[in-house]
C-alpha atoms as a PDB file:
ATOM      1  CA  UNK A   1      24.467 -16.493  26.565  1.00  0.00           C
ATOM      2  CA  UNK A   2      26.478 -13.262  26.606  1.00  0.00           C
ATOM      3  CA  UNK A   3      24.572  -9.984  26.629  1.00  0.00           C
ATOM      4  CA  UNK A   4      25.408  -6.694  24.923  1.00  0.00           C
ATOM      5  CA  UNK A   5      23.962  -3.229  25.312  1.00  0.00           C
ATOM      6  CA  UNK A   6      23.824  -1.387  21.977  1.00  0.00           C
ATOM      7  CA  UNK A   7      23.658   2.412  22.222  1.00  0.00           C
ATOM      8  CA  UNK A   8      22.885   4.567  19.185  1.00  0.00           C
ATOM      9  CA  UNK A   9      20.384   7.302  18.350  1.00  0.00           C
ATOM     10  CA  UNK A  10      19.779   5.782  14.884  1.00  0.00           C
ATOM     11  CA  UNK A  11      17.047   3.091  14.804  1.00  0.00           C
ATOM     12  CA  UNK A  12      18.592   1.674  11.601  1.00  0.00           C
ATOM     13  CA  UNK A  13      22.015   1.368  13.265  1.00  0.00           C
ATOM     14  CA  UNK A  14      20.473  -0.284  16.334  1.00  0.00           C
ATOM     15  CA  UNK A  15      18.688  -2.813  14.115  1.00  0.00           C
ATOM     16  CA  UNK A  16      21.827  -3.546  12.089  1.00  0.00           C
ATOM     17  CA  UNK A  17      24.021  -4.121  15.148  1.00  0.00           C
ATOM     18  CA  UNK A  18      21.299  -6.142  16.857  1.00  0.00           C
ATOM     19  CA  UNK A  19      21.115  -8.457  13.804  1.00  0.00           C
ATOM     20  CA  UNK A  20      24.899  -8.957  13.769  1.00  0.00           C
ATOM     21  CA  UNK A  21      25.005  -9.750  17.494  1.00  0.00           C
ATOM     22  CA  UNK A  22      21.943 -12.020  17.422  1.00  0.00           C
ATOM     23  CA  UNK A  23      23.462 -14.070  14.600  1.00  0.00           C
ATOM     24  CA  UNK A  24      26.632 -14.380  16.720  1.00  0.00           C
ATOM     25  CA  UNK A  25      24.589 -15.822  19.606  1.00  0.00           C
ATOM     26  CA  UNK A  26      24.351 -12.728  21.802  1.00  0.00           C
ATOM     27  CA  UNK A  27      21.356 -11.357  23.670  1.00  0.00           C
ATOM     28  CA  UNK A  28      20.914  -7.639  23.091  1.00  0.00           C
ATOM     29  CA  UNK A  29      19.229  -4.651  24.615  1.00  0.00           C
ATOM     30  CA  UNK A  30      19.289  -1.128  23.251  1.00  0.00           C
ATOM     31  CA  UNK A  31      19.475   2.485  24.365  1.00  0.00           C
ATOM     32  CA  UNK A  32      19.158   5.621  22.260  1.00  0.00           C
ATOM     33  CA  UNK A  33      21.289   8.043  24.308  1.00  0.00           C
ATOM     34  CA  UNK A  34      23.934   8.148  27.006  1.00  0.00           C
ATOM     35  CA  UNK A  35      21.538   8.688  29.921  1.00  0.00           C
ATOM     36  CA  UNK A  36      19.536   5.614  28.977  1.00  0.00           C
ATOM     37  CA  UNK A  37      22.768   3.642  28.410  1.00  0.00           C
ATOM     38  CA  UNK A  38      24.124   4.392  31.887  1.00  0.00           C
ATOM     39  CA  UNK A  39      20.807   3.430  33.522  1.00  0.00           C
ATOM     40  CA  UNK A  40      20.501   0.192  31.531  1.00  0.00           C
ATOM     41  CA  UNK A  41      24.140  -0.760  32.152  1.00  0.00           C
ATOM     42  CA  UNK A  42      23.540  -0.429  35.901  1.00  0.00           C
ATOM     43  CA  UNK A  43      20.343  -2.486  35.866  1.00  0.00           C
ATOM     44  CA  UNK A  44      21.213  -5.113  33.231  1.00  0.00           C
ATOM     45  CA  UNK A  45      24.974  -5.610  33.752  1.00  0.00           C
ATOM     46  CA  UNK A  46      25.777  -6.520  30.114  1.00  0.00           C
ATOM     47  CA  UNK A  47      29.016  -8.306  29.138  1.00  0.00           C
ATOM     48  CA  UNK A  48      29.807  -5.579  26.567  1.00  0.00           C
ATOM     49  CA  UNK A  49      28.563  -2.137  25.525  1.00  0.00           C
ATOM     50  CA  UNK A  50      28.705  -1.007  21.881  1.00  0.00           C
ATOM     51  CA  UNK A  51      28.212   2.755  21.955  1.00  0.00           C
ATOM     52  CA  UNK A  52      27.917   5.557  19.418  1.00  0.00           C
ATOM     53  CA  UNK A  53      29.657   8.824  20.282  1.00  0.00           C
ATOM     54  CA  UNK A  54      27.474  11.542  18.753  1.00  0.00           C
ATOM     55  CA  UNK A  55      24.041  11.351  20.423  1.00  0.00           C
ATOM     56  CA  UNK A  56      21.521  13.795  21.945  1.00  0.00           C
ATOM     57  CA  UNK A  57      21.252  14.474  25.699  1.00  0.00           C
ATOM     58  CA  UNK A  58      24.514  12.736  26.682  1.00  0.00           C
ATOM     59  CA  UNK A  59      27.185  11.753  24.172  1.00  0.00           C
ATOM     60  CA  UNK A  60      29.080   8.465  24.224  1.00  0.00           C
ATOM     61  CA  UNK A  61      32.226   9.982  25.729  1.00  0.00           C
ATOM     62  CA  UNK A  62      30.318  11.282  28.777  1.00  0.00           C
ATOM     63  CA  UNK A  63      28.411   7.992  29.126  1.00  0.00           C
ATOM     64  CA  UNK A  64      31.715   6.094  29.052  1.00  0.00           C
ATOM     65  CA  UNK A  65      33.202   8.379  31.718  1.00  0.00           C
ATOM     66  CA  UNK A  66      30.176   7.835  33.974  1.00  0.00           C
ATOM     67  CA  UNK A  67      30.285   4.054  33.459  1.00  0.00           C
ATOM     68  CA  UNK A  68      34.009   3.972  34.254  1.00  0.00           C
ATOM     69  CA  UNK A  69      33.511   6.046  37.415  1.00  0.00           C
ATOM     70  CA  UNK A  70      30.788   3.732  38.773  1.00  0.00           C
ATOM     71  CA  UNK A  71      32.004   0.651  40.705  1.00  0.00           C
ATOM     72  CA  UNK A  72      28.920  -1.255  39.446  1.00  0.00           C
ATOM     73  CA  UNK A  73      29.736  -0.735  35.763  1.00  0.00           C
ATOM     74  CA  UNK A  74      33.459   0.035  35.473  1.00  0.00           C
ATOM     75  CA  UNK A  75      34.355  -3.573  34.596  1.00  0.00           C
ATOM     76  CA  UNK A  76      32.005  -3.633  31.559  1.00  0.00           C
ATOM     77  CA  UNK A  77      34.035  -3.104  28.356  1.00  0.00           C
ATOM     78  CA  UNK A  78      32.837  -0.177  26.233  1.00  0.00           C
ATOM     79  CA  UNK A  79      33.574  -0.216  22.496  1.00  0.00           C
ATOM     80  CA  UNK A  80      32.651   2.870  20.496  1.00  0.00           C
ATOM     81  CA  UNK A  81      31.061   2.382  17.076  1.00  0.00           C
ATOM     82  CA  UNK A  82      31.157   5.811  15.447  1.00  0.00           C
ATOM     83  CA  UNK A  83      31.794   7.896  12.361  1.00  0.00           C
ATOM     84  CA  UNK A  84      34.280   9.827  14.555  1.00  0.00           C
ATOM     85  CA  UNK A  85      37.231   7.664  13.630  1.00  0.00           C
ATOM     86  CA  UNK A  86      40.286   9.910  13.327  1.00  0.00           C
ATOM     87  CA  UNK A  87      43.485   9.181  15.276  1.00  0.00           C
ATOM     88  CA  UNK A  88      42.568  11.881  17.810  1.00  0.00           C
ATOM     89  CA  UNK A  89      39.126  10.299  18.298  1.00  0.00           C
ATOM     90  CA  UNK A  90      40.702   6.880  18.878  1.00  0.00           C
ATOM     91  CA  UNK A  91      43.092   8.344  21.439  1.00  0.00           C
ATOM     92  CA  UNK A  92      40.338  10.321  23.186  1.00  0.00           C
ATOM     93  CA  UNK A  93      38.103   7.219  23.269  1.00  0.00           C
ATOM     94  CA  UNK A  94      40.824   5.273  25.081  1.00  0.00           C
ATOM     95  CA  UNK A  95      41.362   8.186  27.494  1.00  0.00           C
ATOM     96  CA  UNK A  96      37.628   8.030  28.381  1.00  0.00           C
ATOM     97  CA  UNK A  97      38.014   4.346  29.246  1.00  0.00           C
ATOM     98  CA  UNK A  98      36.861   2.674  26.035  1.00  0.00           C
ATOM     99  CA  UNK A  99      38.527  -0.563  24.951  1.00  0.00           C
ATOM    100  CA  UNK A 100      38.318   0.200  21.217  1.00  0.00           C
ATOM    101  CA  UNK A 101      36.722   2.356  18.518  1.00  0.00           C
ATOM    102  CA  UNK A 102      35.222   0.822  15.378  1.00  0.00           C
ATOM    103  CA  UNK A 103      34.662   3.305  12.573  1.00  0.00           C
ATOM    104  CA  UNK A 104      31.431   3.585  10.606  1.00  0.00           C
ATOM    105  CA  UNK A 105      30.834   2.243   8.080  1.00  0.00           C
ATOM    106  CA  UNK A 106      32.011  -1.084   9.471  1.00  0.00           C
ATOM    107  CA  UNK A 107      31.955  -4.681   8.326  1.00  0.00           C
ATOM    108  CA  UNK A 108      30.041  -7.300  10.328  1.00  0.00           C
ATOM    109  CA  UNK A 109      33.368  -9.146  10.708  1.00  0.00           C
ATOM    110  CA  UNK A 110      34.798  -6.186  12.671  1.00  0.00           C
ATOM    111  CA  UNK A 111      31.918  -6.383  15.133  1.00  0.00           C
ATOM    112  CA  UNK A 112      32.293 -10.187  15.440  1.00  0.00           C
ATOM    113  CA  UNK A 113      36.036  -9.833  16.141  1.00  0.00           C
ATOM    114  CA  UNK A 114      35.229  -7.319  18.877  1.00  0.00           C
ATOM    115  CA  UNK A 115      32.724  -9.726  20.422  1.00  0.00           C
ATOM    116  CA  UNK A 116      35.406 -12.409  20.506  1.00  0.00           C
ATOM    117  CA  UNK A 117      38.004 -10.049  21.980  1.00  0.00           C
ATOM    118  CA  UNK A 118      35.894  -8.481  24.726  1.00  0.00           C
ATOM    119  CA  UNK A 119      32.833 -10.702  25.168  1.00  0.00           C
END
């Protein structure tokens, strides 16, 4: 069973994404900031990371840069799920090493398509 790490500082968002992934047959774990995400990615080695951008302590961009710089985690695809969804944000996300950016609010189908593409 594939495993995803969901990173968001909103408990409601974590619960929503966890429900979508569970229904799609994925195991999930969660983190509420970038520091926790980097630590969990190293220890759990998920198949995919869905990550918010705007979070306390360490934002998603910095977490993505750290994951990409680490030989243990650089092969894990990171997909941002964020309200920051302008063209510049999409470009910057790719420059940080992310595979995609899904804008909030999103449809469950967008998340499912991402799971199929990168999972």
